[in-house]
Amino acid sequence: MNQQVEAVYEHGILRPLQPLTLTESQLVQLTISDAKTESYPRNTEFLDRVKAEVAAMANVPSLEDVQRLMSKIPGSLTEDFSAEREE
C-alpha cells in the first residue's frame, strides 16, 4: 500500500496533515520531498500572527511556566490526540 500525504515538521516530529491508514507499530518507509510553501498559506499567516502577538507581549511565559501550568491539566494529551485521530 502506498500513500502520499503532506506533513509539517515541528520540533523534531513529522505531523501528518490528514489521518493515516496505518496500524499501531506498523513499519513504514518514508521519502521526504519539499512541498511548496504556497500550499500552507493559512499556516504561514497564523504563525506570522502568533509571532507578532508574542513579540508584543510584556510577560512571555518561560518553558518552565508552561510545563508547570500544563502539569495541572488532568488526563493525558497523548491519549487525547490518539483518541482524536481514531475518530
PDB file of N, CA and C in Angstrom:
ATOM      1  N   MET A   1       0.843  -1.173   0.000  1.00  0.00           N
ATOM      2  CA  MET A   1       0.000   0.000   0.000  1.00  0.00           C
ATOM      3  C   MET A   1       0.892   1.241   0.000  1.00  0.00           C
ATOM      4  N   ASN A   2       0.601   2.195  -0.851  1.00  0.00           N
ATOM      5  CA  ASN A   2       1.323   3.453  -0.904  1.00  0.00           C
ATOM      6  C   ASN A   2       0.359   4.588  -0.592  1.00  0.00           C
ATOM      7  N   GLN A   3       0.820   5.535   0.189  1.00  0.00           N
ATOM      8  CA  GLN A   3       0.051   6.735   0.494  1.00  0.00           C
ATOM      9  C   GLN A   3       0.954   7.933   0.267  1.00  0.00           C
ATOM     10  N   GLN A   4       0.398   8.981  -0.262  1.00  0.00           N
ATOM     11  CA  GLN A   4       1.146  10.228  -0.354  1.00  0.00           C
ATOM     12  C   GLN A   4       0.414  11.234   0.513  1.00  0.00           C
ATOM     13  N   VAL A   5       1.078  11.737   1.531  1.00  0.00           N
ATOM     14  CA  VAL A   5       0.467  12.686   2.456  1.00  0.00           C
ATOM     15  C   VAL A   5       1.398  13.868   2.652  1.00  0.00           C
ATOM     16  N   GLU A   6       0.824  14.985   2.992  1.00  0.00           N
ATOM     17  CA  GLU A   6       1.619  16.152   3.355  1.00  0.00           C
ATOM     18  C   GLU A   6       1.769  16.156   4.866  1.00  0.00           C
ATOM     19  N   ALA A   7       2.914  16.612   5.332  1.00  0.00           N
ATOM     20  CA  ALA A   7       3.184  16.681   6.757  1.00  0.00           C
ATOM     21  C   ALA A   7       3.965  17.948   7.047  1.00  0.00           C
ATOM     22  N   VAL A   8       3.922  18.363   8.289  1.00  0.00           N
ATOM     23  CA  VAL A   8       4.674  19.523   8.757  1.00  0.00           C
ATOM     24  C   VAL A   8       5.688  19.014   9.773  1.00  0.00           C
ATOM     25  N   TYR A   9       6.911  19.481   9.651  1.00  0.00           N
ATOM     26  CA  TYR A   9       7.980  19.113  10.584  1.00  0.00           C
ATOM     27  C   TYR A   9       8.021  20.164  11.680  1.00  0.00           C
ATOM     28  N   GLU A  10       7.720  19.743  12.921  1.00  0.00           N
ATOM     29  CA  GLU A  10       7.698  20.667  14.052  1.00  0.00           C
ATOM     30  C   GLU A  10       8.424  20.045  15.234  1.00  0.00           C
ATOM     31  N   HIS A  11       9.414  20.733  15.734  1.00  0.00           N
ATOM     32  CA  HIS A  11      10.128  20.317  16.943  1.00  0.00           C
ATOM     33  C   HIS A  11      10.613  18.868  16.846  1.00  0.00           C
ATOM     34  N   GLY A  12      11.146  18.480  15.696  1.00  0.00           N
ATOM     35  CA  GLY A  12      11.709  17.148  15.538  1.00  0.00           C
ATOM     36  C   GLY A  12      10.706  16.059  15.212  1.00  0.00           C
ATOM     37  N   ILE A  13       9.451  16.428  14.964  1.00  0.00           N
ATOM     38  CA  ILE A  13       8.405  15.431  14.694  1.00  0.00           C
ATOM     39  C   ILE A  13       7.699  15.778  13.396  1.00  0.00           C
ATOM     40  N   LEU A  14       7.470  14.765  12.548  1.00  0.00           N
ATOM     41  CA  LEU A  14       6.651  14.952  11.360  1.00  0.00           C
ATOM     42  C   LEU A  14       5.189  14.774  11.747  1.00  0.00           C
ATOM     43  N   ARG A  15       4.367  15.790  11.472  1.00  0.00           N
ATOM     44  CA  ARG A  15       2.944  15.736  11.814  1.00  0.00           C
ATOM     45  C   ARG A  15       2.140  15.688  10.517  1.00  0.00           C
ATOM     46  N   PRO A  16       1.512  14.521  10.220  1.00  0.00           N
ATOM     47  CA  PRO A  16       0.702  14.429   9.011  1.00  0.00           C
ATOM     48  C   PRO A  16      -0.469  15.411   9.059  1.00  0.00           C
ATOM     49  N   LEU A  17      -0.832  15.967   7.915  1.00  0.00           N
ATOM     50  CA  LEU A  17      -1.927  16.926   7.855  1.00  0.00           C
ATOM     51  C   LEU A  17      -3.279  16.257   7.612  1.00  0.00           C
ATOM     52  N   GLN A  18      -3.283  14.955   7.461  1.00  0.00           N
ATOM     53  CA  GLN A  18      -4.534  14.205   7.354  1.00  0.00           C
ATOM     54  C   GLN A  18      -4.315  12.854   8.032  1.00  0.00           C
ATOM     55  N   PRO A  19      -5.412  12.174   8.416  1.00  0.00           N
ATOM     56  CA  PRO A  19      -5.276  10.874   9.083  1.00  0.00           C
ATOM     57  C   PRO A  19      -4.578   9.848   8.187  1.00  0.00           C
ATOM     58  N   LEU A  20      -3.836   8.947   8.818  1.00  0.00           N
ATOM     59  CA  LEU A  20      -3.140   7.889   8.098  1.00  0.00           C
ATOM     60  C   LEU A  20      -3.848   6.556   8.338  1.00  0.00           C
ATOM     61  N   THR A  21      -3.889   5.720   7.321  1.00  0.00           N
ATOM     62  CA  THR A  21      -4.489   4.399   7.472  1.00  0.00           C
ATOM     63  C   THR A  21      -3.389   3.396   7.793  1.00  0.00           C
ATOM     64  N   LEU A  22      -2.861   3.499   9.019  1.00  0.00           N
ATOM     65  CA  LEU A  22      -1.790   2.632   9.485  1.00  0.00           C
ATOM     66  C   LEU A  22      -2.237   1.927  10.757  1.00  0.00           C
ATOM     67  N   THR A  23      -1.668   0.758  10.995  1.00  0.00           N
ATOM     68  CA  THR A  23      -1.932   0.071  12.250  1.00  0.00           C
ATOM     69  C   THR A  23      -0.855   0.465  13.251  1.00  0.00           C
ATOM     70  N   GLU A  24      -1.164   0.341  14.525  1.00  0.00           N
ATOM     71  CA  GLU A  24      -0.221   0.684  15.582  1.00  0.00           C
ATOM     72  C   GLU A  24       1.060  -0.126  15.412  1.00  0.00           C
ATOM     73  N   SER A  25       2.204   0.512  15.506  1.00  0.00           N
ATOM     74  CA  SER A  25       3.539  -0.088  15.394  1.00  0.00           C
ATOM     75  C   SER A  25       3.861  -0.605  13.998  1.00  0.00           C
ATOM     76  N   GLN A  26       3.099  -0.210  13.000  1.00  0.00           N
ATOM     77  CA  GLN A  26       3.380  -0.642  11.624  1.00  0.00           C
ATOM     78  C   GLN A  26       4.668   0.011  11.143  1.00  0.00           C
ATOM     79  N   LEU A  27       5.527  -0.779  10.540  1.00  0.00           N
ATOM     80  CA  LEU A  27       6.780  -0.275   9.989  1.00  0.00           C
ATOM     81  C   LEU A  27       6.499   0.316   8.607  1.00  0.00           C
ATOM     82  N   VAL A  28       6.977   1.528   8.371  1.00  0.00           N
ATOM     83  CA  VAL A  28       6.781   2.198   7.087  1.00  0.00           C
ATOM     84  C   VAL A  28       8.116   2.749   6.612  1.00  0.00           C
ATOM     85  N   GLN A  29       8.176   3.072   5.345  1.00  0.00           N
ATOM     86  CA  GLN A  29       9.369   3.706   4.776  1.00  0.00           C
ATOM     87  C   GLN A  29       8.951   5.084   4.287  1.00  0.00           C
ATOM     88  N   LEU A  30       9.726   6.101   4.634  1.00  0.00           N
ATOM     89  CA  LEU A  30       9.400   7.475   4.275  1.00  0.00           C
ATOM     90  C   LEU A  30      10.319   7.982   3.180  1.00  0.00           C
ATOM     91  N   THR A  31       9.754   8.746   2.271  1.00  0.00           N
ATOM     92  CA  THR A  31      10.517   9.506   1.294  1.00  0.00           C
ATOM     93  C   THR A  31      10.141  10.961   1.510  1.00  0.00           C
ATOM     94  N   ILE A  32      11.104  11.798   1.770  1.00  0.00           N
ATOM     95  CA  ILE A  32      10.844  13.197   2.098  1.00  0.00           C
ATOM     96  C   ILE A  32      11.171  14.063   0.889  1.00  0.00           C
ATOM     97  N   SER A  33      10.235  14.936   0.513  1.00  0.00           N
ATOM     98  CA  SER A  33      10.500  15.930  -0.525  1.00  0.00           C
ATOM     99  C   SER A  33       9.856  17.241  -0.098  1.00  0.00           C
ATOM    100  N   ASP A  34      10.448  18.343  -0.512  1.00  0.00           N
ATOM    101  CA  ASP A  34       9.920  19.654  -0.155  1.00  0.00           C
ATOM    102  C   ASP A  34       8.570  19.875  -0.819  1.00  0.00           C
ATOM    103  N   ALA A  35       7.658  20.483  -0.067  1.00  0.00           N
ATOM    104  CA  ALA A  35       6.376  20.911  -0.622  1.00  0.00           C
ATOM    105  C   ALA A  35       6.448  22.415  -0.833  1.00  0.00           C
ATOM    106  N   LYS A  36       5.649  22.914  -1.747  1.00  0.00           N
ATOM    107  CA  LYS A  36       5.628  24.355  -1.984  1.00  0.00           C
ATOM    108  C   LYS A  36       5.040  25.060  -0.768  1.00  0.00           C
ATOM    109  N   THR A  37       5.679  26.129  -0.334  1.00  0.00           N
ATOM    110  CA  THR A  37       5.200  26.889   0.816  1.00  0.00           C
ATOM    111  C   THR A  37       3.802  27.440   0.560  1.00  0.00           C
ATOM    112  N   GLU A  38       3.479  27.718  -0.687  1.00  0.00           N
ATOM    113  CA  GLU A  38       2.167  28.276  -1.005  1.00  0.00           C
ATOM    114  C   GLU A  38       1.037  27.327  -0.636  1.00  0.00           C
ATOM    115  N   SER A  39       1.329  26.038  -0.470  1.00  0.00           N
ATOM    116  CA  SER A  39       0.267  25.098  -0.139  1.00  0.00           C
ATOM    117  C   SER A  39      -0.182  25.239   1.308  1.00  0.00           C
ATOM    118  N   TYR A  40       0.518  26.058   2.101  1.00  0.00           N
ATOM    119  CA  TYR A  40       0.156  26.257   3.501  1.00  0.00           C
ATOM    120  C   TYR A  40      -0.060  27.735   3.823  1.00  0.00           C
ATOM    121  N   PRO A  41      -0.848  28.462   3.041  1.00  0.00           N
ATOM    122  CA  PRO A  41      -0.945  29.902   3.294  1.00  0.00           C
ATOM    123  C   PRO A  41      -1.546  30.230   4.654  1.00  0.00           C
ATOM    124  N   ARG A  42      -2.561  29.466   5.085  1.00  0.00           N
ATOM    125  CA  ARG A  42      -3.168  29.776   6.379  1.00  0.00           C
ATOM    126  C   ARG A  42      -2.208  29.484   7.522  1.00  0.00           C
ATOM    127  N   ASN A  43      -1.424  28.404   7.427  1.00  0.00           N
ATOM    128  CA  ASN A  43      -0.453  28.113   8.472  1.00  0.00           C
ATOM    129  C   ASN A  43       0.579  29.228   8.572  1.00  0.00           C
ATOM    130  N   THR A  44       1.049  29.718   7.451  1.00  0.00           N
ATOM    131  CA  THR A  44       2.029  30.792   7.430  1.00  0.00           C
ATOM    132  C   THR A  44       1.438  32.062   8.029  1.00  0.00           C
ATOM    133  N   GLU A  45       0.226  32.393   7.638  1.00  0.00           N
ATOM    134  CA  GLU A  45      -0.428  33.581   8.192  1.00  0.00           C
ATOM    135  C   GLU A  45      -0.617  33.440   9.696  1.00  0.00           C
ATOM    136  N   PHE A  46      -1.037  32.265  10.140  1.00  0.00           N
ATOM    137  CA  PHE A  46      -1.243  32.023  11.563  1.00  0.00           C
ATOM    138  C   PHE A  46       0.066  32.179  12.328  1.00  0.00           C
ATOM    139  N   LEU A  47       1.134  31.565  11.824  1.00  0.00           N
ATOM    140  CA  LEU A  47       2.418  31.660  12.509  1.00  0.00           C
ATOM    141  C   LEU A  47       2.928  33.094  12.566  1.00  0.00           C
ATOM    142  N   ASP A  48       2.770  33.827  11.487  1.00  0.00           N
ATOM    143  CA  ASP A  48       3.179  35.234  11.484  1.00  0.00           C
ATOM    144  C   ASP A  48       2.399  36.030  12.521  1.00  0.00           C
ATOM    145  N   ARG A  49       1.092  35.766  12.620  1.00  0.00           N
ATOM    146  CA  ARG A  49       0.254  36.471  13.592  1.00  0.00           C
ATOM    147  C   ARG A  49       0.670  36.118  15.027  1.00  0.00           C
ATOM    148  N   VAL A  50       0.932  34.827  15.289  1.00  0.00           N
ATOM    149  CA  VAL A  50       1.338  34.401  16.630  1.00  0.00           C
ATOM    150  C   VAL A  50       2.687  35.013  16.995  1.00  0.00           C
ATOM    151  N   LYS A  51       3.627  35.012  16.055  1.00  0.00           N
ATOM    152  CA  LYS A  51       4.939  35.607  16.326  1.00  0.00           C
ATOM    153  C   LYS A  51       4.801  37.085  16.684  1.00  0.00           C
ATOM    154  N   ALA A  52       3.930  37.794  15.977  1.00  0.00           N
ATOM    155  CA  ALA A  52       3.724  39.222  16.263  1.00  0.00           C
ATOM    156  C   ALA A  52       3.095  39.403  17.645  1.00  0.00           C
ATOM    157  N   GLU A  53       2.135  38.543  17.983  1.00  0.00           N
ATOM    158  CA  GLU A  53       1.491  38.641  19.299  1.00  0.00           C
ATOM    159  C   GLU A  53       2.492  38.362  20.420  1.00  0.00           C
ATOM    160  N   VAL A  54       3.337  37.354  20.243  1.00  0.00           N
ATOM    161  CA  VAL A  54       4.337  37.032  21.266  1.00  0.00           C
ATOM    162  C   VAL A  54       5.340  38.172  21.398  1.00  0.00           C
ATOM    163  N   ALA A  55       5.757  38.746  20.279  1.00  0.00           N
ATOM    164  CA  ALA A  55       6.710  39.855  20.323  1.00  0.00           C
ATOM    165  C   ALA A  55       6.126  41.059  21.063  1.00  0.00           C
ATOM    166  N   ALA A  56       4.802  41.228  21.002  1.00  0.00           N
ATOM    167  CA  ALA A  56       4.156  42.363  21.652  1.00  0.00           C
ATOM    168  C   ALA A  56       3.837  42.110  23.125  1.00  0.00           C
ATOM    169  N   MET A  57       3.982  40.880  23.575  1.00  0.00           N
ATOM    170  CA  MET A  57       3.653  40.545  24.963  1.00  0.00           C
ATOM    171  C   MET A  57       4.663  41.144  25.929  1.00  0.00           C
ATOM    172  N   ALA A  58       4.161  41.645  27.049  1.00  0.00           N
ATOM    173  CA  ALA A  58       5.040  42.190  28.073  1.00  0.00           C
ATOM    174  C   ALA A  58       5.702  41.075  28.871  1.00  0.00           C
ATOM    175  N   ASN A  59       4.944  40.051  29.217  1.00  0.00           N
ATOM    176  CA  ASN A  59       5.460  38.940  30.021  1.00  0.00           C
ATOM    177  C   ASN A  59       5.288  37.634  29.259  1.00  0.00           C
ATOM    178  N   VAL A  60       6.318  37.206  28.562  1.00  0.00           N
ATOM    179  CA  VAL A  60       6.273  35.935  27.841  1.00  0.00           C
ATOM    180  C   VAL A  60       6.587  34.824  28.840  1.00  0.00           C
ATOM    181  N   PRO A  61       5.686  33.820  28.971  1.00  0.00           N
ATOM    182  CA  PRO A  61       5.946  32.752  29.943  1.00  0.00           C
ATOM    183  C   PRO A  61       7.150  31.910  29.527  1.00  0.00           C
ATOM    184  N   SER A  62       7.889  31.437  30.524  1.00  0.00           N
ATOM    185  CA  SER A  62       9.027  30.564  30.244  1.00  0.00           C
ATOM    186  C   SER A  62       8.523  29.150  29.995  1.00  0.00           C
ATOM    187  N   LEU A  63       9.387  28.308  29.469  1.00  0.00           N
ATOM    188  CA  LEU A  63       9.040  26.909  29.255  1.00  0.00           C
ATOM    189  C   LEU A  63       8.640  26.256  30.581  1.00  0.00           C
ATOM    190  N   GLU A  64       9.350  26.591  31.639  1.00  0.00           N
ATOM    191  CA  GLU A  64       9.040  26.037  32.954  1.00  0.00           C
ATOM    192  C   GLU A  64       7.652  26.470  33.417  1.00  0.00           C
ATOM    193  N   ASP A  65       7.277  27.721  33.144  1.00  0.00           N
ATOM    194  CA  ASP A  65       5.935  28.203  33.497  1.00  0.00           C
ATOM    195  C   ASP A  65       4.863  27.396  32.769  1.00  0.00           C
ATOM    196  N   VAL A  66       5.075  27.188  31.487  1.00  0.00           N
ATOM    197  CA  VAL A  66       4.110  26.445  30.681  1.00  0.00           C
ATOM    198  C   VAL A  66       4.016  25.000  31.167  1.00  0.00           C
ATOM    199  N   GLN A  67       5.155  24.366  31.425  1.00  0.00           N
ATOM    200  CA  GLN A  67       5.148  22.985  31.906  1.00  0.00           C
ATOM    201  C   GLN A  67       4.435  22.876  33.249  1.00  0.00           C
ATOM    202  N   ARG A  68       4.688  23.827  34.144  1.00  0.00           N
ATOM    203  CA  ARG A  68       4.048  23.809  35.459  1.00  0.00           C
ATOM    204  C   ARG A  68       2.535  23.933  35.325  1.00  0.00           C
ATOM    205  N   LEU A  69       2.083  24.847  34.476  1.00  0.00           N
ATOM    206  CA  LEU A  69       0.650  25.032  34.286  1.00  0.00           C
ATOM    207  C   LEU A  69       0.005  23.831  33.599  1.00  0.00           C
ATOM    208  N   MET A  70       0.687  23.270  32.612  1.00  0.00           N
ATOM    209  CA  MET A  70       0.121  22.129  31.891  1.00  0.00           C
ATOM    210  C   MET A  70       0.090  20.875  32.751  1.00  0.00           C
ATOM    211  N   SER A  71       0.988  20.770  33.727  1.00  0.00           N
ATOM    212  CA  SER A  71       1.004  19.584  34.591  1.00  0.00           C
ATOM    213  C   SER A  71      -0.248  19.513  35.457  1.00  0.00           C
ATOM    214  N   LYS A  72      -0.954  20.624  35.595  1.00  0.00           N
ATOM    215  CA  LYS A  72      -2.179  20.662  36.399  1.00  0.00           C
ATOM    216  C   LYS A  72      -3.411  20.205  35.621  1.00  0.00           C
ATOM    217  N   ILE A  73      -3.273  20.029  34.302  1.00  0.00           N
ATOM    218  CA  ILE A  73      -4.393  19.597  33.475  1.00  0.00           C
ATOM    219  C   ILE A  73      -4.562  18.093  33.665  1.00  0.00           C
ATOM    220  N   PRO A  74      -5.765  17.645  34.069  1.00  0.00           N
ATOM    221  CA  PRO A  74      -5.961  16.206  34.272  1.00  0.00           C
ATOM    222  C   PRO A  74      -5.965  15.445  32.952  1.00  0.00           C
ATOM    223  N   GLY A  75      -5.611  14.172  33.022  1.00  0.00           N
ATOM    224  CA  GLY A  75      -5.630  13.329  31.828  1.00  0.00           C
ATOM    225  C   GLY A  75      -4.298  13.376  31.102  1.00  0.00           C
ATOM    226  N   SER A  76      -4.308  12.840  29.888  1.00  0.00           N
ATOM    227  CA  SER A  76      -3.094  12.740  29.087  1.00  0.00           C
ATOM    228  C   SER A  76      -3.341  13.328  27.709  1.00  0.00           C
ATOM    229  N   LEU A  77      -2.522  14.301  27.318  1.00  0.00           N
ATOM    230  CA  LEU A  77      -2.658  14.869  25.978  1.00  0.00           C
ATOM    231  C   LEU A  77      -2.387  13.820  24.910  1.00  0.00           C
ATOM    232  N   THR A  78      -1.462  12.911  25.184  1.00  0.00           N
ATOM    233  CA  THR A  78      -1.164  11.843  24.234  1.00  0.00           C
ATOM    234  C   THR A  78      -2.396  10.994  23.991  1.00  0.00           C
ATOM    235  N   GLU A  79      -3.097  10.619  25.063  1.00  0.00           N
ATOM    236  CA  GLU A  79      -4.322   9.840  24.917  1.00  0.00           C
ATOM    237  C   GLU A  79      -5.389  10.627  24.165  1.00  0.00           C
ATOM    238  N   ASP A  80      -5.488  11.917  24.446  1.00  0.00           N
ATOM    239  CA  ASP A  80      -6.472  12.760  23.755  1.00  0.00           C
ATOM    240  C   ASP A  80      -6.181  12.817  22.254  1.00  0.00           C
ATOM    241  N   PHE A  81      -4.906  13.006  21.886  1.00  0.00           N
ATOM    242  CA  PHE A  81      -4.538  13.052  20.463  1.00  0.00           C
ATOM    243  C   PHE A  81      -4.815  11.713  19.788  1.00  0.00           C
ATOM    244  N   SER A  82      -4.450  10.627  20.466  1.00  0.00           N
ATOM    245  CA  SER A  82      -4.681   9.293  19.899  1.00  0.00           C
ATOM    246  C   SER A  82      -6.170   9.050  19.692  1.00  0.00           C
ATOM    247  N   ALA A  83      -6.986   9.404  20.667  1.00  0.00           N
ATOM    248  CA  ALA A  83      -8.430   9.213  20.539  1.00  0.00           C
ATOM    249  C   ALA A  83      -8.984  10.063  19.417  1.00  0.00           C
ATOM    250  N   GLU A  84      -8.508  11.288  19.274  1.00  0.00           N
ATOM    251  CA  GLU A  84      -8.981  12.172  18.218  1.00  0.00           C
ATOM    252  C   GLU A  84      -8.643  11.627  16.836  1.00  0.00           C
ATOM    253  N   ARG A  85      -7.449  11.068  16.688  1.00  0.00           N
ATOM    254  CA  ARG A  85      -7.038  10.518  15.388  1.00  0.00           C
ATOM    255  C   ARG A  85      -7.801   9.256  15.028  1.00  0.00           C
ATOM    256  N   GLU A  86      -8.289   8.534  16.028  1.00  0.00           N
ATOM    257  CA  GLU A  86      -9.028   7.300  15.762  1.00  0.00           C
ATOM    258  C   GLU A  86     -10.474   7.579  15.359  1.00  0.00           C
ATOM    259  N   GLU A  87     -10.974   8.779  15.631  1.00  0.00           N
ATOM    260  CA  GLU A  87     -12.365   9.114  15.301  1.00  0.00           C
ATOM    261  C   GLU A  87     -12.599   9.184  13.819  1.00  0.00           C
TER     262      GLU A  87
END
